[in-house]
N, C-alpha and C. Protein backbone atom coordinates (compact mmCIF):
# COMPACT_ATOMS: atom_id res chain seq x y z
N MET A 1 9.70 45.41 35.39
CA MET A 1 10.16 45.41 34.02
C MET A 1 11.21 44.31 33.81
N VAL A 2 12.10 44.12 34.77
CA VAL A 2 13.13 43.10 34.67
C VAL A 2 12.50 41.72 34.72
N LYS A 3 11.47 41.54 35.58
CA LYS A 3 10.79 40.26 35.66
C LYS A 3 10.10 39.94 34.34
N ASP A 4 9.57 40.98 33.70
CA ASP A 4 8.86 40.79 32.43
C ASP A 4 9.80 40.27 31.35
N ILE A 5 11.03 40.82 31.30
CA ILE A 5 12.00 40.40 30.29
C ILE A 5 12.45 38.97 30.56
N SER A 6 12.72 38.64 31.81
CA SER A 6 13.18 37.28 32.12
C SER A 6 12.06 36.26 31.85
N LYS A 7 10.80 36.65 32.06
CA LYS A 7 9.69 35.73 31.77
C LYS A 7 9.59 35.48 30.27
N LYS A 8 9.78 36.52 29.44
CA LYS A 8 9.76 36.35 27.99
C LYS A 8 10.92 35.47 27.53
N GLN A 9 12.08 35.68 28.14
CA GLN A 9 13.23 34.86 27.79
C GLN A 9 12.99 33.40 28.17
N LYS A 10 12.38 33.21 29.34
CA LYS A 10 12.08 31.86 29.81
C LYS A 10 11.06 31.19 28.89
N ASP A 11 10.02 31.94 28.51
CA ASP A 11 9.02 31.40 27.59
C ASP A 11 9.64 31.09 26.23
N TYR A 12 10.51 31.96 25.76
CA TYR A 12 11.17 31.75 24.48
C TYR A 12 12.07 30.52 24.54
N LYS A 13 12.73 30.30 25.68
CA LYS A 13 13.60 29.14 25.87
C LYS A 13 12.76 27.86 25.79
N TRP A 14 11.59 27.85 26.43
CA TRP A 14 10.71 26.68 26.39
C TRP A 14 10.18 26.44 24.98
N PHE A 15 9.91 27.51 24.26
CA PHE A 15 9.44 27.38 22.89
C PHE A 15 10.53 26.77 22.01
N LYS A 16 11.78 27.19 22.21
CA LYS A 16 12.89 26.63 21.45
C LYS A 16 13.07 25.15 21.76
N ILE A 17 12.91 24.78 23.02
CA ILE A 17 13.01 23.36 23.40
C ILE A 17 11.88 22.56 22.74
N PHE A 18 10.69 23.14 22.72
CA PHE A 18 9.55 22.50 22.06
C PHE A 18 9.83 22.29 20.57
N VAL A 19 10.40 23.29 19.91
CA VAL A 19 10.71 23.18 18.48
C VAL A 19 11.77 22.10 18.25
N ILE A 20 12.76 22.02 19.11
CA ILE A 20 13.79 20.99 18.97
C ILE A 20 13.18 19.60 19.15
N ILE A 21 12.33 19.44 20.17
CA ILE A 21 11.69 18.15 20.41
C ILE A 21 10.78 17.78 19.23
N LEU A 22 10.08 18.75 18.69
CA LEU A 22 9.21 18.52 17.54
C LEU A 22 10.02 18.04 16.34
N ASN A 23 11.19 18.62 16.12
CA ASN A 23 12.05 18.20 15.02
C ASN A 23 12.62 16.81 15.25
N ILE A 24 12.96 16.49 16.48
CA ILE A 24 13.47 15.15 16.80
C ILE A 24 12.39 14.10 16.56
N ILE A 25 11.17 14.40 16.96
CA ILE A 25 10.06 13.48 16.71
C ILE A 25 9.83 13.32 15.20
N GLY A 26 9.89 14.40 14.46
CA GLY A 26 9.72 14.35 13.01
C GLY A 26 10.80 13.52 12.33
N ILE A 27 12.04 13.68 12.76
CA ILE A 27 13.14 12.91 12.19
C ILE A 27 12.98 11.43 12.56
N GLY A 28 12.55 11.17 13.79
CA GLY A 28 12.32 9.78 14.21
C GLY A 28 11.23 9.11 13.38
N CYS A 29 10.15 9.84 13.14
CA CYS A 29 9.07 9.30 12.30
C CYS A 29 9.55 9.09 10.86
N LEU A 30 10.34 10.01 10.35
CA LEU A 30 10.88 9.87 9.00
C LEU A 30 11.71 8.60 8.89
N ILE A 31 12.58 8.37 9.85
CA ILE A 31 13.43 7.16 9.83
C ILE A 31 12.57 5.91 9.98
N TYR A 32 11.61 5.94 10.91
CA TYR A 32 10.77 4.77 11.19
C TYR A 32 9.96 4.34 9.96
N PHE A 33 9.45 5.30 9.19
CA PHE A 33 8.63 4.96 8.03
C PHE A 33 9.44 4.86 6.74
N ALA A 34 10.62 5.48 6.68
CA ALA A 34 11.43 5.43 5.46
C ALA A 34 12.12 4.08 5.31
N ILE A 35 12.50 3.44 6.42
CA ILE A 35 13.21 2.17 6.32
C ILE A 35 12.37 1.09 5.65
N PRO A 36 11.11 0.82 6.09
CA PRO A 36 10.33 -0.20 5.37
C PRO A 36 10.04 0.20 3.92
N TYR A 37 9.87 1.50 3.68
CA TYR A 37 9.61 1.94 2.31
C TYR A 37 10.82 1.69 1.43
N LEU A 38 11.99 2.07 1.88
CA LEU A 38 13.20 1.91 1.07
C LEU A 38 13.58 0.44 0.91
N ARG A 39 13.26 -0.39 1.89
CA ARG A 39 13.52 -1.83 1.80
C ARG A 39 12.47 -2.54 0.97
N HIS A 40 11.41 -1.84 0.60
CA HIS A 40 10.27 -2.38 -0.16
C HIS A 40 9.72 -3.61 0.57
N ASP A 41 9.40 -3.41 1.83
CA ASP A 41 8.89 -4.47 2.70
C ASP A 41 7.48 -4.86 2.25
N VAL A 42 7.31 -6.11 1.83
CA VAL A 42 6.02 -6.56 1.32
C VAL A 42 5.21 -7.33 2.36
N SER A 43 5.60 -7.24 3.62
CA SER A 43 4.80 -7.89 4.65
C SER A 43 3.55 -7.06 4.91
N ILE A 44 2.53 -7.73 5.44
CA ILE A 44 1.28 -7.05 5.77
C ILE A 44 1.16 -7.07 7.28
N ARG A 45 1.14 -5.90 7.90
CA ARG A 45 1.16 -5.82 9.36
C ARG A 45 -0.16 -6.19 10.00
N ASN A 46 -1.27 -5.78 9.42
CA ASN A 46 -2.57 -6.03 10.03
C ASN A 46 -3.52 -6.58 8.97
N LEU A 47 -3.71 -7.89 9.00
CA LEU A 47 -4.59 -8.52 8.00
C LEU A 47 -6.06 -8.20 8.22
N ASN A 48 -6.43 -7.78 9.43
CA ASN A 48 -7.82 -7.50 9.74
C ASN A 48 -8.20 -6.04 9.52
N ALA A 49 -7.31 -5.27 8.96
CA ALA A 49 -7.59 -3.84 8.73
C ALA A 49 -8.60 -3.68 7.60
N MET A 50 -9.24 -2.52 7.58
CA MET A 50 -10.21 -2.24 6.52
C MET A 50 -9.50 -2.16 5.17
N LEU A 51 -8.37 -1.49 5.12
CA LEU A 51 -7.55 -1.40 3.92
C LEU A 51 -6.26 -2.16 4.18
N VAL A 52 -6.11 -3.30 3.55
CA VAL A 52 -4.92 -4.11 3.75
C VAL A 52 -3.88 -3.66 2.73
N LEU A 53 -2.74 -3.17 3.23
CA LEU A 53 -1.67 -2.67 2.36
C LEU A 53 -0.35 -3.32 2.75
N TYR A 54 0.55 -3.40 1.77
CA TYR A 54 1.90 -3.83 2.09
C TYR A 54 2.54 -2.75 2.97
N SER A 55 3.54 -3.15 3.74
CA SER A 55 4.19 -2.19 4.65
C SER A 55 4.81 -1.03 3.87
N TRP A 56 5.47 -1.31 2.75
CA TRP A 56 6.10 -0.22 2.01
C TRP A 56 5.06 0.76 1.50
N ASP A 57 3.91 0.25 1.10
CA ASP A 57 2.85 1.11 0.56
C ASP A 57 2.24 1.98 1.65
N SER A 58 1.97 1.39 2.80
CA SER A 58 1.40 2.19 3.90
C SER A 58 2.41 3.20 4.42
N CYS A 59 3.69 2.84 4.46
CA CYS A 59 4.72 3.79 4.89
C CYS A 59 4.86 4.95 3.90
N GLY A 60 4.78 4.65 2.61
CA GLY A 60 4.82 5.72 1.60
C GLY A 60 3.65 6.68 1.75
N PHE A 61 2.47 6.13 2.04
CA PHE A 61 1.29 6.97 2.24
C PHE A 61 1.44 7.83 3.50
N ILE A 62 1.94 7.25 4.58
CA ILE A 62 2.13 8.00 5.83
C ILE A 62 3.18 9.09 5.65
N LEU A 63 4.25 8.79 4.91
CA LEU A 63 5.26 9.81 4.64
C LEU A 63 4.67 10.95 3.80
N THR A 64 3.74 10.62 2.90
CA THR A 64 3.08 11.66 2.12
C THR A 64 2.27 12.58 3.03
N LEU A 65 1.55 11.98 3.97
CA LEU A 65 0.78 12.79 4.91
C LEU A 65 1.67 13.61 5.85
N GLY A 66 2.83 13.07 6.20
CA GLY A 66 3.71 13.73 7.16
C GLY A 66 4.66 14.74 6.58
N LEU A 67 4.67 14.90 5.26
CA LEU A 67 5.60 15.85 4.63
C LEU A 67 5.35 17.28 5.09
N ILE A 68 4.12 17.73 5.08
CA ILE A 68 3.80 19.11 5.45
C ILE A 68 4.13 19.39 6.92
N PRO A 69 3.70 18.53 7.88
CA PRO A 69 4.08 18.80 9.28
C PRO A 69 5.60 18.80 9.50
N LEU A 70 6.32 17.91 8.81
CA LEU A 70 7.78 17.90 8.94
C LEU A 70 8.37 19.18 8.37
N LEU A 71 7.86 19.64 7.26
CA LEU A 71 8.34 20.90 6.67
C LEU A 71 8.07 22.07 7.61
N LEU A 72 6.90 22.10 8.23
CA LEU A 72 6.58 23.18 9.19
C LEU A 72 7.51 23.13 10.40
N ALA A 73 7.79 21.93 10.90
CA ALA A 73 8.70 21.81 12.05
C ALA A 73 10.10 22.28 11.67
N ASN A 74 10.56 21.93 10.46
CA ASN A 74 11.88 22.37 10.01
C ASN A 74 11.93 23.87 9.80
N MET A 75 10.83 24.45 9.31
CA MET A 75 10.79 25.91 9.13
C MET A 75 10.80 26.63 10.48
N MET A 76 10.11 26.06 11.47
CA MET A 76 10.13 26.66 12.81
C MET A 76 11.54 26.60 13.39
N ALA A 77 12.24 25.49 13.18
CA ALA A 77 13.62 25.38 13.67
C ALA A 77 14.51 26.41 12.98
N TYR A 78 14.34 26.59 11.69
CA TYR A 78 15.13 27.56 10.95
C TYR A 78 14.90 28.97 11.46
N LYS A 79 13.66 29.29 11.77
CA LYS A 79 13.32 30.65 12.19
C LYS A 79 13.67 30.93 13.65
N PHE A 80 13.43 29.97 14.55
CA PHE A 80 13.51 30.27 15.97
C PHE A 80 14.76 29.76 16.68
N ILE A 81 15.49 28.83 16.11
CA ILE A 81 16.69 28.33 16.77
C ILE A 81 17.89 29.05 16.18
N ASP A 82 18.58 29.79 17.04
CA ASP A 82 19.70 30.61 16.60
C ASP A 82 20.99 29.80 16.58
N LEU A 83 21.76 29.99 15.53
CA LEU A 83 23.09 29.41 15.42
C LEU A 83 24.07 30.54 15.10
N LYS A 84 25.30 30.28 15.39
CA LYS A 84 26.31 31.30 15.14
C LYS A 84 26.50 31.52 13.64
N ASN A 85 26.45 30.46 12.90
CA ASN A 85 26.63 30.56 11.46
C ASN A 85 25.26 30.36 10.79
N ASN A 86 24.74 31.40 10.17
CA ASN A 86 23.42 31.33 9.56
C ASN A 86 23.38 30.43 8.32
N LYS A 87 24.54 30.18 7.70
CA LYS A 87 24.56 29.30 6.54
C LYS A 87 24.30 27.85 6.94
N ILE A 88 24.62 27.48 8.16
CA ILE A 88 24.40 26.12 8.64
C ILE A 88 22.92 25.88 8.94
N LYS A 89 22.19 26.95 9.18
CA LYS A 89 20.76 26.81 9.49
C LYS A 89 19.98 26.14 8.37
N ILE A 90 20.50 26.22 7.15
CA ILE A 90 19.81 25.58 6.01
C ILE A 90 19.78 24.06 6.18
N LEU A 91 20.66 23.51 6.99
CA LEU A 91 20.70 22.07 7.22
C LEU A 91 19.44 21.56 7.95
N TYR A 92 18.69 22.46 8.55
CA TYR A 92 17.43 22.06 9.20
C TYR A 92 16.44 21.47 8.19
N PHE A 93 16.62 21.79 6.91
CA PHE A 93 15.68 21.33 5.89
C PHE A 93 16.05 19.98 5.27
N ILE A 94 17.15 19.37 5.70
CA ILE A 94 17.54 18.06 5.15
C ILE A 94 16.45 17.00 5.35
N PRO A 95 15.84 16.87 6.55
CA PRO A 95 14.77 15.86 6.69
C PRO A 95 13.60 16.11 5.74
N SER A 96 13.23 17.36 5.54
CA SER A 96 12.13 17.67 4.63
C SER A 96 12.48 17.33 3.20
N ILE A 97 13.71 17.59 2.81
CA ILE A 97 14.14 17.29 1.45
C ILE A 97 14.15 15.78 1.22
N LEU A 98 14.67 15.01 2.19
CA LEU A 98 14.66 13.55 2.08
C LEU A 98 13.23 13.01 2.00
N CYS A 99 12.36 13.54 2.83
CA CYS A 99 10.96 13.12 2.82
C CYS A 99 10.31 13.48 1.49
N LEU A 100 10.61 14.64 0.95
CA LEU A 100 10.06 15.06 -0.35
C LEU A 100 10.52 14.12 -1.46
N ILE A 101 11.78 13.71 -1.43
CA ILE A 101 12.29 12.78 -2.45
C ILE A 101 11.56 11.45 -2.37
N ILE A 102 11.38 10.93 -1.15
CA ILE A 102 10.68 9.66 -0.97
C ILE A 102 9.23 9.78 -1.42
N VAL A 103 8.57 10.87 -1.05
CA VAL A 103 7.16 11.06 -1.43
C VAL A 103 7.03 11.18 -2.94
N CYS A 104 7.93 11.90 -3.59
CA CYS A 104 7.88 12.00 -5.06
C CYS A 104 8.07 10.63 -5.70
N HIS A 105 9.00 9.85 -5.17
CA HIS A 105 9.19 8.48 -5.68
C HIS A 105 7.92 7.66 -5.49
N TYR A 106 7.31 7.78 -4.33
CA TYR A 106 6.10 7.02 -4.04
C TYR A 106 4.96 7.41 -4.97
N LEU A 107 4.76 8.71 -5.16
CA LEU A 107 3.62 9.17 -5.95
C LEU A 107 3.80 9.01 -7.45
N PHE A 108 5.03 9.18 -7.95
CA PHE A 108 5.22 9.22 -9.39
C PHE A 108 5.85 7.96 -9.98
N ILE A 109 6.54 7.17 -9.17
CA ILE A 109 7.22 5.99 -9.72
C ILE A 109 6.66 4.70 -9.15
N ALA A 110 6.56 4.59 -7.83
CA ALA A 110 6.17 3.33 -7.22
C ALA A 110 4.68 3.04 -7.31
N THR A 111 3.86 4.05 -7.34
CA THR A 111 2.42 3.85 -7.38
C THR A 111 1.95 3.75 -8.82
N ASP A 112 1.22 2.68 -9.11
CA ASP A 112 0.66 2.49 -10.45
C ASP A 112 -0.74 3.05 -10.46
N TRP A 113 -0.94 4.15 -11.16
CA TRP A 113 -2.22 4.84 -11.16
C TRP A 113 -3.15 4.36 -12.26
N LYS A 114 -2.70 3.40 -13.06
CA LYS A 114 -3.56 2.89 -14.13
C LYS A 114 -4.65 2.02 -13.53
N GLU A 115 -5.80 2.10 -14.13
CA GLU A 115 -6.90 1.25 -13.67
C GLU A 115 -6.68 -0.16 -14.18
N GLU A 116 -6.98 -1.12 -13.32
CA GLU A 116 -6.85 -2.50 -13.73
C GLU A 116 -7.97 -2.86 -14.69
N LYS A 117 -7.60 -3.60 -15.71
CA LYS A 117 -8.60 -4.05 -16.66
C LYS A 117 -9.27 -5.30 -16.10
N VAL A 118 -10.56 -5.28 -16.06
CA VAL A 118 -11.31 -6.44 -15.61
C VAL A 118 -11.67 -7.25 -16.85
N LYS A 119 -11.22 -8.47 -16.85
CA LYS A 119 -11.48 -9.32 -18.00
C LYS A 119 -12.92 -9.80 -17.98
N GLU A 120 -13.50 -9.84 -19.15
CA GLU A 120 -14.85 -10.38 -19.32
C GLU A 120 -14.71 -11.88 -19.57
N SER A 121 -15.58 -12.64 -18.95
CA SER A 121 -15.54 -14.08 -19.19
C SER A 121 -16.16 -14.39 -20.55
N ILE A 122 -15.61 -15.42 -21.22
CA ILE A 122 -16.14 -15.79 -22.53
C ILE A 122 -17.20 -16.88 -22.40
N ALA A 123 -17.24 -17.54 -21.24
CA ALA A 123 -18.27 -18.55 -21.00
C ALA A 123 -18.47 -18.70 -19.50
N ILE A 124 -19.72 -18.96 -19.12
CA ILE A 124 -20.06 -19.20 -17.71
C ILE A 124 -20.86 -20.50 -17.67
N MET A 125 -20.50 -21.37 -16.74
CA MET A 125 -21.27 -22.60 -16.58
C MET A 125 -21.55 -22.85 -15.11
N LYS A 126 -22.70 -23.43 -14.85
CA LYS A 126 -23.12 -23.74 -13.49
C LYS A 126 -23.29 -25.24 -13.37
N CYS A 127 -22.75 -25.80 -12.29
CA CYS A 127 -22.82 -27.24 -12.07
C CYS A 127 -23.28 -27.50 -10.64
N SER A 128 -23.86 -28.69 -10.44
CA SER A 128 -24.35 -29.07 -9.11
C SER A 128 -23.88 -30.46 -8.77
N ILE A 129 -23.53 -30.66 -7.50
CA ILE A 129 -23.16 -31.97 -6.99
C ILE A 129 -23.48 -31.99 -5.49
N ASN A 130 -24.13 -33.05 -5.04
CA ASN A 130 -24.50 -33.21 -3.62
C ASN A 130 -25.23 -31.98 -3.08
N GLU A 131 -26.13 -31.45 -3.88
CA GLU A 131 -26.94 -30.28 -3.54
C GLU A 131 -26.11 -29.01 -3.31
N ASN A 132 -24.88 -29.01 -3.78
CA ASN A 132 -24.04 -27.81 -3.78
C ASN A 132 -23.96 -27.30 -5.22
N HIS A 133 -24.03 -26.00 -5.37
CA HIS A 133 -24.03 -25.38 -6.69
C HIS A 133 -22.75 -24.56 -6.86
N TYR A 134 -22.09 -24.74 -8.00
CA TYR A 134 -20.84 -24.05 -8.28
C TYR A 134 -20.92 -23.35 -9.63
N THR A 135 -20.25 -22.23 -9.73
CA THR A 135 -20.22 -21.46 -10.97
C THR A 135 -18.77 -21.39 -11.46
N TYR A 136 -18.59 -21.57 -12.76
CA TYR A 136 -17.26 -21.51 -13.38
C TYR A 136 -17.28 -20.46 -14.47
N GLN A 137 -16.21 -19.67 -14.53
CA GLN A 137 -16.07 -18.66 -15.57
C GLN A 137 -14.81 -18.99 -16.36
N ILE A 138 -14.91 -18.94 -17.67
CA ILE A 138 -13.77 -19.22 -18.53
C ILE A 138 -13.32 -17.89 -19.15
N PHE A 139 -12.02 -17.64 -19.05
CA PHE A 139 -11.43 -16.40 -19.55
C PHE A 139 -10.41 -16.71 -20.64
N GLU A 140 -10.33 -15.82 -21.63
CA GLU A 140 -9.27 -15.93 -22.62
C GLU A 140 -8.24 -14.84 -22.33
N GLU A 141 -7.01 -15.26 -22.14
CA GLU A 141 -5.93 -14.33 -21.81
C GLU A 141 -5.45 -13.63 -23.08
N ASP A 142 -4.63 -12.60 -22.91
CA ASP A 142 -4.11 -11.83 -24.04
C ASP A 142 -3.22 -12.67 -24.96
N ASN A 143 -2.56 -13.68 -24.40
CA ASN A 143 -1.65 -14.51 -25.19
C ASN A 143 -2.37 -15.69 -25.86
N GLY A 144 -3.69 -15.76 -25.78
CA GLY A 144 -4.46 -16.80 -26.42
C GLY A 144 -4.73 -18.02 -25.56
N GLU A 145 -4.15 -18.07 -24.37
CA GLU A 145 -4.40 -19.19 -23.47
C GLU A 145 -5.70 -18.95 -22.71
N PHE A 146 -6.19 -20.01 -22.06
CA PHE A 146 -7.45 -19.94 -21.35
C PHE A 146 -7.22 -20.17 -19.86
N SER A 147 -8.07 -19.55 -19.04
CA SER A 147 -8.00 -19.74 -17.59
C SER A 147 -9.41 -19.94 -17.06
N LEU A 148 -9.47 -20.44 -15.83
CA LEU A 148 -10.75 -20.79 -15.23
C LEU A 148 -10.92 -20.07 -13.92
N GLY A 149 -12.05 -19.42 -13.73
CA GLY A 149 -12.38 -18.78 -12.47
C GLY A 149 -13.41 -19.64 -11.75
N MET A 150 -13.15 -19.92 -10.48
CA MET A 150 -14.06 -20.76 -9.71
C MET A 150 -14.19 -20.23 -8.30
N GLU A 151 -15.19 -20.72 -7.58
CA GLU A 151 -15.46 -20.25 -6.23
C GLU A 151 -14.42 -20.79 -5.25
N ASP A 152 -14.26 -20.10 -4.12
CA ASP A 152 -13.25 -20.48 -3.14
C ASP A 152 -13.53 -21.82 -2.48
N ASP A 153 -14.78 -22.15 -2.26
CA ASP A 153 -15.11 -23.38 -1.55
C ASP A 153 -15.29 -24.58 -2.48
N ASP A 154 -14.95 -24.41 -3.75
CA ASP A 154 -15.09 -25.50 -4.72
C ASP A 154 -14.01 -26.55 -4.47
N THR A 155 -14.40 -27.83 -4.53
CA THR A 155 -13.46 -28.93 -4.26
C THR A 155 -13.03 -29.66 -5.52
N MET A 156 -13.44 -29.20 -6.69
CA MET A 156 -13.05 -29.85 -7.93
C MET A 156 -11.54 -29.70 -8.12
N PRO A 157 -10.83 -30.81 -8.36
CA PRO A 157 -9.38 -30.70 -8.57
C PRO A 157 -9.07 -30.06 -9.92
N LEU A 158 -8.18 -29.11 -9.92
CA LEU A 158 -7.83 -28.41 -11.15
C LEU A 158 -7.05 -29.28 -12.12
N SER A 159 -6.51 -30.38 -11.64
CA SER A 159 -5.71 -31.25 -12.50
C SER A 159 -6.57 -31.96 -13.55
N ILE A 160 -7.87 -32.04 -13.38
CA ILE A 160 -8.73 -32.71 -14.35
C ILE A 160 -9.12 -31.79 -15.51
N VAL A 161 -8.86 -30.51 -15.39
CA VAL A 161 -9.29 -29.54 -16.40
C VAL A 161 -8.26 -29.48 -17.53
N ASP A 162 -8.75 -29.60 -18.77
CA ASP A 162 -7.93 -29.48 -19.97
C ASP A 162 -8.06 -28.04 -20.48
N TYR A 163 -6.98 -27.26 -20.41
CA TYR A 163 -7.01 -25.84 -20.73
C TYR A 163 -6.69 -25.55 -22.21
N THR A 164 -6.80 -26.53 -23.08
CA THR A 164 -6.44 -26.35 -24.48
C THR A 164 -7.34 -25.32 -25.16
N SER A 165 -8.65 -25.41 -24.94
CA SER A 165 -9.59 -24.47 -25.54
C SER A 165 -10.79 -24.31 -24.62
N LYS A 166 -11.68 -23.42 -25.01
CA LYS A 166 -12.89 -23.21 -24.21
C LYS A 166 -13.72 -24.49 -24.18
N ASP A 167 -13.83 -25.16 -25.30
CA ASP A 167 -14.65 -26.37 -25.38
C ASP A 167 -14.07 -27.51 -24.55
N THR A 168 -12.73 -27.65 -24.55
CA THR A 168 -12.13 -28.73 -23.75
C THR A 168 -12.27 -28.47 -22.26
N ILE A 169 -12.27 -27.22 -21.86
CA ILE A 169 -12.49 -26.89 -20.45
C ILE A 169 -13.91 -27.29 -20.06
N ILE A 170 -14.87 -26.92 -20.88
CA ILE A 170 -16.27 -27.25 -20.59
C ILE A 170 -16.47 -28.77 -20.55
N GLU A 171 -15.90 -29.49 -21.53
CA GLU A 171 -16.04 -30.94 -21.58
C GLU A 171 -15.42 -31.61 -20.35
N SER A 172 -14.23 -31.15 -19.93
CA SER A 172 -13.57 -31.80 -18.79
C SER A 172 -14.33 -31.53 -17.48
N ILE A 173 -14.93 -30.36 -17.33
CA ILE A 173 -15.72 -30.07 -16.13
C ILE A 173 -17.00 -30.91 -16.13
N GLU A 174 -17.68 -31.00 -17.30
CA GLU A 174 -18.89 -31.81 -17.40
C GLU A 174 -18.59 -33.28 -17.11
N LYS A 175 -17.48 -33.78 -17.63
CA LYS A 175 -17.08 -35.18 -17.40
C LYS A 175 -16.85 -35.44 -15.92
N TYR A 176 -16.18 -34.49 -15.24
CA TYR A 176 -15.93 -34.65 -13.79
C TYR A 176 -17.26 -34.75 -13.03
N TYR A 177 -18.18 -33.88 -13.34
CA TYR A 177 -19.46 -33.88 -12.61
C TYR A 177 -20.29 -35.12 -12.92
N LYS A 178 -20.27 -35.60 -14.17
CA LYS A 178 -21.04 -36.79 -14.52
C LYS A 178 -20.47 -38.03 -13.83
N THR A 179 -19.14 -38.15 -13.75
CA THR A 179 -18.54 -39.32 -13.12
C THR A 179 -18.71 -39.32 -11.60
N ASN A 180 -18.95 -38.16 -11.00
CA ASN A 180 -19.10 -38.05 -9.55
C ASN A 180 -20.54 -37.85 -9.12
N GLY A 181 -21.51 -38.08 -10.01
CA GLY A 181 -22.91 -38.01 -9.65
C GLY A 181 -23.50 -36.62 -9.65
N GLY A 182 -22.87 -35.70 -10.32
CA GLY A 182 -23.40 -34.34 -10.42
C GLY A 182 -23.85 -34.05 -11.83
N MET A 183 -24.22 -32.81 -12.08
CA MET A 183 -24.65 -32.43 -13.43
C MET A 183 -24.35 -30.96 -13.70
N CYS A 184 -24.22 -30.70 -14.99
CA CYS A 184 -24.03 -29.33 -15.47
C CYS A 184 -25.11 -29.05 -16.50
N PRO A 185 -26.22 -28.42 -16.12
CA PRO A 185 -27.33 -28.21 -17.06
C PRO A 185 -26.98 -27.21 -18.15
């Protein structure tokens, strides 16, 4: 009977150590991911990733995922780790509260949930030079100005384009292709 009690005490002691280590890991993760988020770090850690995100954005997402496990670890510490003053035990929830504040900021303030408006082009033209074919899209911005969409491998210098109107853009592109031996049908 005495061995049974000491074994339970020993198991309980190991469980308390496990809960303390779990809370230390949770606090470490909170600090590790909160610093880039709070600094609004706009570096990109892995350009080859499937989803390329800024560091602050990925840290905000990871903190969102880690809120529940951190809360569970803090609740286990509150329940199983005994202190002389029970009012101090509420301090175990400080990491969860900090994480909750950061997650709320990430979800409700920092994240823009509006869908991006895709602008429709007002004109599309196709041109050819040296057996290479290029497509140009002309857009009208909200402020009445015009912009040009072109392919990444296009070598036409943008300095030759007159952005005054849709017609001047088309004329300047046609002129460039005619002077360089190309055509815009």
